[in-house]
Amino acid sequence: MRGRDGPARNVARWALAALMVFTGTVHFGRTSSFFGQLPSWTPARSAVIWFSGAVEIALGLALAFSPVRWRATVGRALAVLFVLVFPANIYQAVAGTDAFGLDSPAARWIRLLFQPVLVLWTLWASGAWPRRSEPS
């Protein structure tokens, strides 16, 4: 069953892929919305935001359309991206900056709890999460 994923995993993978393409696109259309996640001293903040948006779009498309043999690799790469952007979310919570409708300390700190959920969702949906061995 290595090459076949169940319907739930496929729905989760396609939903995550769509989310990544959507949020990546938002990086270009609403760049200033992301400034709250980067310190003002960050060089070329717009370029950093555009680059991360391009990476999100690329990984979302790869998650949706890559051959089965590459999905786990794409999933691991996306999980790494979620880990790499986590400090930006921490910065927003600590600095108390408003972005994405997160306009209270509680909302900013609660958001941090969802980053591990995204990582786990990504690993499971992509098939990178260790599967149980199947009987021979």
N, C-alpha and C. Protein backbone atom coordinates (compact mmCIF):
# COMPACT_ATOMS: atom_id res chain seq x y z
N MET A 1 0.82 -1.20 0.00
CA MET A 1 0.00 0.00 0.00
C MET A 1 0.86 1.26 0.00
N ARG A 2 2.13 1.11 -0.18
CA ARG A 2 3.06 2.24 -0.15
C ARG A 2 2.66 3.32 -1.15
N GLY A 3 2.22 2.95 -2.31
CA GLY A 3 1.89 3.93 -3.33
C GLY A 3 0.49 4.48 -3.24
N ARG A 4 -0.34 3.94 -2.34
CA ARG A 4 -1.73 4.37 -2.25
C ARG A 4 -1.99 5.01 -0.90
N ASP A 5 -2.63 6.13 -0.94
CA ASP A 5 -3.02 6.81 0.28
C ASP A 5 -4.53 6.74 0.40
N GLY A 6 -5.00 6.69 1.63
CA GLY A 6 -6.44 6.68 1.86
C GLY A 6 -7.06 8.02 1.56
N PRO A 7 -8.39 8.04 1.48
CA PRO A 7 -9.08 9.30 1.17
C PRO A 7 -8.81 10.41 2.17
N ALA A 8 -8.74 10.07 3.45
CA ALA A 8 -8.50 11.12 4.47
C ALA A 8 -7.14 11.77 4.27
N ARG A 9 -6.13 10.96 4.00
CA ARG A 9 -4.79 11.50 3.79
C ARG A 9 -4.75 12.36 2.53
N ASN A 10 -5.44 11.94 1.48
CA ASN A 10 -5.47 12.72 0.24
C ASN A 10 -6.19 14.05 0.44
N VAL A 11 -7.30 14.03 1.16
CA VAL A 11 -8.02 15.28 1.43
C VAL A 11 -7.13 16.21 2.26
N ALA A 12 -6.46 15.66 3.27
CA ALA A 12 -5.58 16.48 4.11
C ALA A 12 -4.43 17.05 3.29
N ARG A 13 -3.88 16.26 2.38
CA ARG A 13 -2.77 16.72 1.54
C ARG A 13 -3.23 17.82 0.60
N TRP A 14 -4.37 17.63 -0.06
CA TRP A 14 -4.87 18.64 -0.99
C TRP A 14 -5.27 19.92 -0.25
N ALA A 15 -5.86 19.78 0.92
CA ALA A 15 -6.23 20.97 1.70
C ALA A 15 -4.99 21.75 2.12
N LEU A 16 -3.98 21.04 2.57
CA LEU A 16 -2.74 21.70 2.96
C LEU A 16 -2.07 22.35 1.75
N ALA A 17 -2.07 21.67 0.63
CA ALA A 17 -1.48 22.24 -0.59
C ALA A 17 -2.20 23.52 -0.98
N ALA A 18 -3.53 23.50 -0.93
CA ALA A 18 -4.31 24.69 -1.28
C ALA A 18 -4.04 25.83 -0.30
N LEU A 19 -3.95 25.49 0.98
CA LEU A 19 -3.63 26.49 2.00
C LEU A 19 -2.28 27.13 1.73
N MET A 20 -1.30 26.32 1.37
CA MET A 20 0.05 26.84 1.13
C MET A 20 0.08 27.75 -0.10
N VAL A 21 -0.59 27.34 -1.16
CA VAL A 21 -0.62 28.19 -2.37
C VAL A 21 -1.35 29.50 -2.06
N PHE A 22 -2.46 29.41 -1.33
CA PHE A 22 -3.20 30.62 -0.98
C PHE A 22 -2.36 31.56 -0.12
N THR A 23 -1.79 31.02 0.97
CA THR A 23 -1.03 31.90 1.86
C THR A 23 0.23 32.42 1.19
N GLY A 24 0.85 31.61 0.35
CA GLY A 24 2.01 32.08 -0.39
C GLY A 24 1.66 33.24 -1.30
N THR A 25 0.51 33.14 -1.94
CA THR A 25 0.04 34.21 -2.83
C THR A 25 -0.22 35.49 -2.05
N VAL A 26 -0.75 35.35 -0.84
CA VAL A 26 -1.03 36.52 0.00
C VAL A 26 0.25 37.28 0.31
N HIS A 27 1.39 36.58 0.38
CA HIS A 27 2.67 37.25 0.63
C HIS A 27 2.94 38.33 -0.42
N PHE A 28 2.45 38.13 -1.63
CA PHE A 28 2.69 39.09 -2.71
C PHE A 28 1.62 40.18 -2.75
N GLY A 29 0.39 39.83 -2.47
CA GLY A 29 -0.70 40.80 -2.55
C GLY A 29 -0.84 41.69 -1.34
N ARG A 30 -0.41 41.18 -0.18
CA ARG A 30 -0.55 41.93 1.06
C ARG A 30 0.75 41.88 1.86
N THR A 31 1.82 42.23 1.20
CA THR A 31 3.16 42.15 1.80
C THR A 31 3.23 42.86 3.14
N SER A 32 2.66 44.03 3.24
CA SER A 32 2.76 44.80 4.49
C SER A 32 2.10 44.09 5.66
N SER A 33 1.17 43.18 5.39
CA SER A 33 0.53 42.43 6.47
C SER A 33 1.52 41.56 7.23
N PHE A 34 2.61 41.21 6.57
CA PHE A 34 3.60 40.33 7.17
C PHE A 34 4.69 41.08 7.93
N PHE A 35 4.71 42.41 7.83
CA PHE A 35 5.75 43.19 8.51
C PHE A 35 5.72 42.98 10.02
N GLY A 36 4.56 42.69 10.58
CA GLY A 36 4.45 42.48 12.02
C GLY A 36 5.19 41.25 12.51
N GLN A 37 5.59 40.39 11.61
CA GLN A 37 6.31 39.18 12.00
C GLN A 37 7.82 39.32 11.89
N LEU A 38 8.27 40.44 11.36
CA LEU A 38 9.71 40.65 11.19
C LEU A 38 10.14 41.92 11.91
N PRO A 39 11.23 41.85 12.64
CA PRO A 39 11.72 43.08 13.27
C PRO A 39 12.01 44.14 12.22
N SER A 40 11.86 45.39 12.61
CA SER A 40 12.06 46.49 11.66
C SER A 40 13.50 46.53 11.14
N TRP A 41 14.45 45.97 11.88
CA TRP A 41 15.85 45.98 11.45
C TRP A 41 16.16 44.87 10.44
N THR A 42 15.20 44.02 10.13
CA THR A 42 15.43 42.96 9.14
C THR A 42 15.70 43.60 7.79
N PRO A 43 16.84 43.28 7.16
CA PRO A 43 17.12 43.87 5.85
C PRO A 43 16.18 43.30 4.78
N ALA A 44 15.78 44.15 3.87
CA ALA A 44 14.97 43.75 2.72
C ALA A 44 13.74 42.95 3.15
N ARG A 45 12.97 43.51 4.07
CA ARG A 45 11.81 42.79 4.60
C ARG A 45 10.85 42.35 3.51
N SER A 46 10.57 43.20 2.56
CA SER A 46 9.66 42.80 1.48
C SER A 46 10.22 41.62 0.71
N ALA A 47 11.50 41.64 0.42
CA ALA A 47 12.11 40.53 -0.32
C ALA A 47 12.06 39.23 0.48
N VAL A 48 12.26 39.32 1.77
CA VAL A 48 12.17 38.13 2.63
C VAL A 48 10.75 37.57 2.58
N ILE A 49 9.77 38.44 2.65
CA ILE A 49 8.37 38.02 2.61
C ILE A 49 8.04 37.42 1.25
N TRP A 50 8.49 38.03 0.18
CA TRP A 50 8.22 37.49 -1.17
C TRP A 50 8.90 36.13 -1.36
N PHE A 51 10.13 36.01 -0.87
CA PHE A 51 10.84 34.74 -1.00
C PHE A 51 10.10 33.64 -0.25
N SER A 52 9.69 33.94 0.98
CA SER A 52 8.98 32.91 1.75
C SER A 52 7.64 32.57 1.09
N GLY A 53 6.99 33.56 0.50
CA GLY A 53 5.75 33.29 -0.23
C GLY A 53 5.98 32.39 -1.44
N ALA A 54 7.06 32.65 -2.17
CA ALA A 54 7.39 31.82 -3.33
C ALA A 54 7.69 30.38 -2.90
N VAL A 55 8.39 30.23 -1.79
CA VAL A 55 8.69 28.89 -1.27
C VAL A 55 7.40 28.19 -0.87
N GLU A 56 6.49 28.90 -0.21
CA GLU A 56 5.22 28.30 0.18
C GLU A 56 4.42 27.85 -1.04
N ILE A 57 4.38 28.68 -2.07
CA ILE A 57 3.66 28.31 -3.30
C ILE A 57 4.30 27.08 -3.93
N ALA A 58 5.62 27.10 -4.05
CA ALA A 58 6.33 25.98 -4.67
C ALA A 58 6.10 24.68 -3.91
N LEU A 59 6.19 24.73 -2.59
CA LEU A 59 5.99 23.52 -1.80
C LEU A 59 4.53 23.07 -1.83
N GLY A 60 3.60 24.01 -1.85
CA GLY A 60 2.19 23.65 -1.97
C GLY A 60 1.89 22.95 -3.28
N LEU A 61 2.43 23.49 -4.37
CA LEU A 61 2.23 22.85 -5.68
C LEU A 61 2.92 21.49 -5.74
N ALA A 62 4.11 21.41 -5.16
CA ALA A 62 4.83 20.14 -5.13
C ALA A 62 4.07 19.11 -4.31
N LEU A 63 3.50 19.52 -3.19
CA LEU A 63 2.73 18.60 -2.36
C LEU A 63 1.51 18.07 -3.12
N ALA A 64 0.90 18.94 -3.90
CA ALA A 64 -0.30 18.54 -4.65
C ALA A 64 0.03 17.65 -5.84
N PHE A 65 1.09 17.97 -6.55
CA PHE A 65 1.30 17.35 -7.86
C PHE A 65 2.52 16.46 -8.00
N SER A 66 3.32 16.34 -6.95
CA SER A 66 4.52 15.51 -7.08
C SER A 66 4.14 14.02 -7.10
N PRO A 67 4.96 13.21 -7.74
CA PRO A 67 4.71 11.77 -7.72
C PRO A 67 4.78 11.25 -6.29
N VAL A 68 4.10 10.16 -6.05
CA VAL A 68 4.02 9.58 -4.71
C VAL A 68 5.40 9.41 -4.09
N ARG A 69 6.37 8.99 -4.88
CA ARG A 69 7.70 8.72 -4.31
C ARG A 69 8.37 9.98 -3.76
N TRP A 70 7.93 11.17 -4.17
CA TRP A 70 8.53 12.42 -3.70
C TRP A 70 7.73 13.10 -2.60
N ARG A 71 6.50 12.64 -2.34
CA ARG A 71 5.63 13.34 -1.39
C ARG A 71 6.21 13.43 0.01
N ALA A 72 6.81 12.37 0.49
CA ALA A 72 7.37 12.41 1.85
C ALA A 72 8.51 13.43 1.92
N THR A 73 9.30 13.50 0.88
CA THR A 73 10.41 14.47 0.85
C THR A 73 9.85 15.89 0.85
N VAL A 74 8.83 16.12 0.04
CA VAL A 74 8.19 17.44 0.01
C VAL A 74 7.59 17.76 1.37
N GLY A 75 6.96 16.77 1.98
CA GLY A 75 6.37 16.97 3.31
C GLY A 75 7.41 17.33 4.35
N ARG A 76 8.54 16.66 4.31
CA ARG A 76 9.61 17.00 5.26
C ARG A 76 10.12 18.42 5.01
N ALA A 77 10.25 18.81 3.75
CA ALA A 77 10.70 20.17 3.43
C ALA A 77 9.70 21.20 3.94
N LEU A 78 8.43 20.93 3.77
CA LEU A 78 7.40 21.86 4.25
C LEU A 78 7.40 21.91 5.78
N ALA A 79 7.59 20.78 6.42
CA ALA A 79 7.68 20.77 7.89
C ALA A 79 8.87 21.61 8.37
N VAL A 80 9.98 21.51 7.66
CA VAL A 80 11.16 22.32 8.00
C VAL A 80 10.83 23.80 7.83
N LEU A 81 10.12 24.15 6.76
CA LEU A 81 9.72 25.54 6.56
C LEU A 81 8.90 26.03 7.75
N PHE A 82 7.95 25.22 8.22
CA PHE A 82 7.14 25.62 9.37
C PHE A 82 8.00 25.84 10.61
N VAL A 83 9.02 25.03 10.77
CA VAL A 83 9.94 25.21 11.91
C VAL A 83 10.76 26.48 11.73
N LEU A 84 11.20 26.75 10.51
CA LEU A 84 12.03 27.93 10.25
C LEU A 84 11.26 29.24 10.42
N VAL A 85 9.97 29.25 10.13
CA VAL A 85 9.20 30.50 10.28
C VAL A 85 8.65 30.67 11.70
N PHE A 86 8.78 29.66 12.52
CA PHE A 86 8.28 29.74 13.89
C PHE A 86 8.88 30.91 14.68
N PRO A 87 10.18 31.20 14.55
CA PRO A 87 10.71 32.37 15.25
C PRO A 87 10.01 33.68 14.88
N ALA A 88 9.52 33.79 13.65
CA ALA A 88 8.77 35.00 13.27
C ALA A 88 7.46 35.07 14.05
N ASN A 89 6.83 33.93 14.25
CA ASN A 89 5.60 33.91 15.04
C ASN A 89 5.88 34.23 16.50
N ILE A 90 7.00 33.73 17.00
CA ILE A 90 7.41 34.05 18.38
C ILE A 90 7.69 35.55 18.50
N TYR A 91 8.40 36.10 17.51
CA TYR A 91 8.68 37.53 17.52
C TYR A 91 7.39 38.33 17.60
N GLN A 92 6.41 37.95 16.79
CA GLN A 92 5.14 38.68 16.80
C GLN A 92 4.49 38.63 18.18
N ALA A 93 4.53 37.47 18.82
CA ALA A 93 3.92 37.33 20.15
C ALA A 93 4.67 38.16 21.19
N VAL A 94 6.00 38.10 21.15
CA VAL A 94 6.80 38.82 22.13
C VAL A 94 6.73 40.34 21.91
N ALA A 95 6.84 40.74 20.66
CA ALA A 95 6.82 42.18 20.34
C ALA A 95 5.42 42.77 20.44
N GLY A 96 4.41 41.93 20.36
CA GLY A 96 3.04 42.42 20.47
C GLY A 96 2.56 43.15 19.23
N THR A 97 3.10 42.78 18.08
CA THR A 97 2.68 43.44 16.84
C THR A 97 1.40 42.81 16.30
N ASP A 98 0.58 43.64 15.68
CA ASP A 98 -0.67 43.17 15.09
C ASP A 98 -0.43 42.76 13.64
N ALA A 99 -0.93 41.61 13.28
CA ALA A 99 -0.91 41.15 11.90
C ALA A 99 -1.89 40.00 11.78
N PHE A 100 -2.54 39.89 10.64
CA PHE A 100 -3.45 38.78 10.35
C PHE A 100 -4.63 38.72 11.30
N GLY A 101 -5.03 39.84 11.85
CA GLY A 101 -6.14 39.83 12.78
C GLY A 101 -5.75 39.40 14.19
N LEU A 102 -4.48 39.15 14.40
CA LEU A 102 -4.00 38.79 15.73
C LEU A 102 -3.69 40.08 16.47
N ASP A 103 -4.72 40.63 17.11
CA ASP A 103 -4.58 41.95 17.71
C ASP A 103 -4.68 41.93 19.23
N SER A 104 -4.46 40.75 19.81
CA SER A 104 -4.43 40.68 21.27
C SER A 104 -3.30 39.73 21.67
N PRO A 105 -2.75 39.93 22.86
CA PRO A 105 -1.69 39.01 23.30
C PRO A 105 -2.16 37.56 23.31
N ALA A 106 -3.39 37.32 23.75
CA ALA A 106 -3.88 35.94 23.81
C ALA A 106 -3.90 35.31 22.42
N ALA A 107 -4.40 36.05 21.44
CA ALA A 107 -4.47 35.50 20.07
C ALA A 107 -3.08 35.20 19.53
N ARG A 108 -2.13 36.11 19.78
CA ARG A 108 -0.77 35.89 19.28
C ARG A 108 -0.11 34.68 19.95
N TRP A 109 -0.31 34.49 21.24
CA TRP A 109 0.30 33.36 21.94
C TRP A 109 -0.40 32.05 21.62
N ILE A 110 -1.71 32.08 21.49
CA ILE A 110 -2.45 30.85 21.13
C ILE A 110 -2.03 30.37 19.75
N ARG A 111 -1.78 31.31 18.85
CA ARG A 111 -1.36 30.93 17.50
C ARG A 111 -0.11 30.04 17.53
N LEU A 112 0.77 30.28 18.46
CA LEU A 112 2.00 29.49 18.56
C LEU A 112 1.71 28.01 18.77
N LEU A 113 0.60 27.71 19.42
CA LEU A 113 0.24 26.31 19.68
C LEU A 113 -0.10 25.56 18.39
N PHE A 114 -0.47 26.29 17.36
CA PHE A 114 -0.89 25.63 16.11
C PHE A 114 0.28 25.29 15.19
N GLN A 115 1.45 25.83 15.45
CA GLN A 115 2.60 25.52 14.61
C GLN A 115 2.95 24.02 14.66
N PRO A 116 3.01 23.40 15.85
CA PRO A 116 3.25 21.95 15.88
C PRO A 116 2.15 21.17 15.18
N VAL A 117 0.92 21.66 15.25
CA VAL A 117 -0.18 21.00 14.55
C VAL A 117 0.07 21.02 13.04
N LEU A 118 0.53 22.16 12.53
CA LEU A 118 0.85 22.25 11.10
C LEU A 118 1.96 21.28 10.72
N VAL A 119 2.97 21.16 11.57
CA VAL A 119 4.07 20.24 11.28
C VAL A 119 3.55 18.81 11.24
N LEU A 120 2.77 18.42 12.23
CA LEU A 120 2.23 17.06 12.27
C LEU A 120 1.29 16.79 11.10
N TRP A 121 0.42 17.76 10.79
CA TRP A 121 -0.49 17.64 9.64
C TRP A 121 0.31 17.41 8.37
N THR A 122 1.36 18.19 8.20
CA THR A 122 2.20 18.09 7.01
C THR A 122 2.85 16.72 6.90
N LEU A 123 3.43 16.26 7.99
CA LEU A 123 4.12 14.97 7.95
C LEU A 123 3.14 13.82 7.69
N TRP A 124 1.96 13.89 8.30
CA TRP A 124 0.98 12.83 8.09
C TRP A 124 0.40 12.88 6.67
N ALA A 125 -0.01 14.07 6.24
CA ALA A 125 -0.66 14.21 4.93
C ALA A 125 0.27 13.85 3.78
N SER A 126 1.55 14.07 3.95
CA SER A 126 2.52 13.80 2.89
C SER A 126 3.02 12.36 2.90
N GLY A 127 2.71 11.63 3.96
CA GLY A 127 3.21 10.27 4.08
C GLY A 127 4.60 10.21 4.69
N ALA A 128 5.10 11.35 5.17
CA ALA A 128 6.42 11.35 5.79
C ALA A 128 6.36 10.81 7.22
N TRP A 129 5.18 10.86 7.82
CA TRP A 129 5.01 10.32 9.16
C TRP A 129 5.19 8.81 9.08
N PRO A 130 5.95 8.24 9.97
CA PRO A 130 6.19 6.79 9.89
C PRO A 130 4.89 6.00 9.89
N ARG A 131 4.80 5.12 8.92
CA ARG A 131 3.63 4.26 8.83
C ARG A 131 3.90 2.95 9.52
N ARG A 132 2.84 2.33 9.94
CA ARG A 132 2.96 0.99 10.52
C ARG A 132 3.33 0.01 9.44
N SER A 133 4.14 -0.94 9.80
CA SER A 133 4.52 -1.97 8.84
C SER A 133 3.30 -2.80 8.48
N GLU A 134 3.23 -3.16 7.22
CA GLU A 134 2.14 -4.02 6.77
C GLU A 134 2.60 -5.46 6.79
N PRO A 135 1.70 -6.37 7.12
CA PRO A 135 2.09 -7.77 7.11
C PRO A 135 2.46 -8.22 5.70
N SER A 136 3.43 -9.10 5.63
CA SER A 136 3.89 -9.57 4.32
C SER A 136 2.96 -10.60 3.76
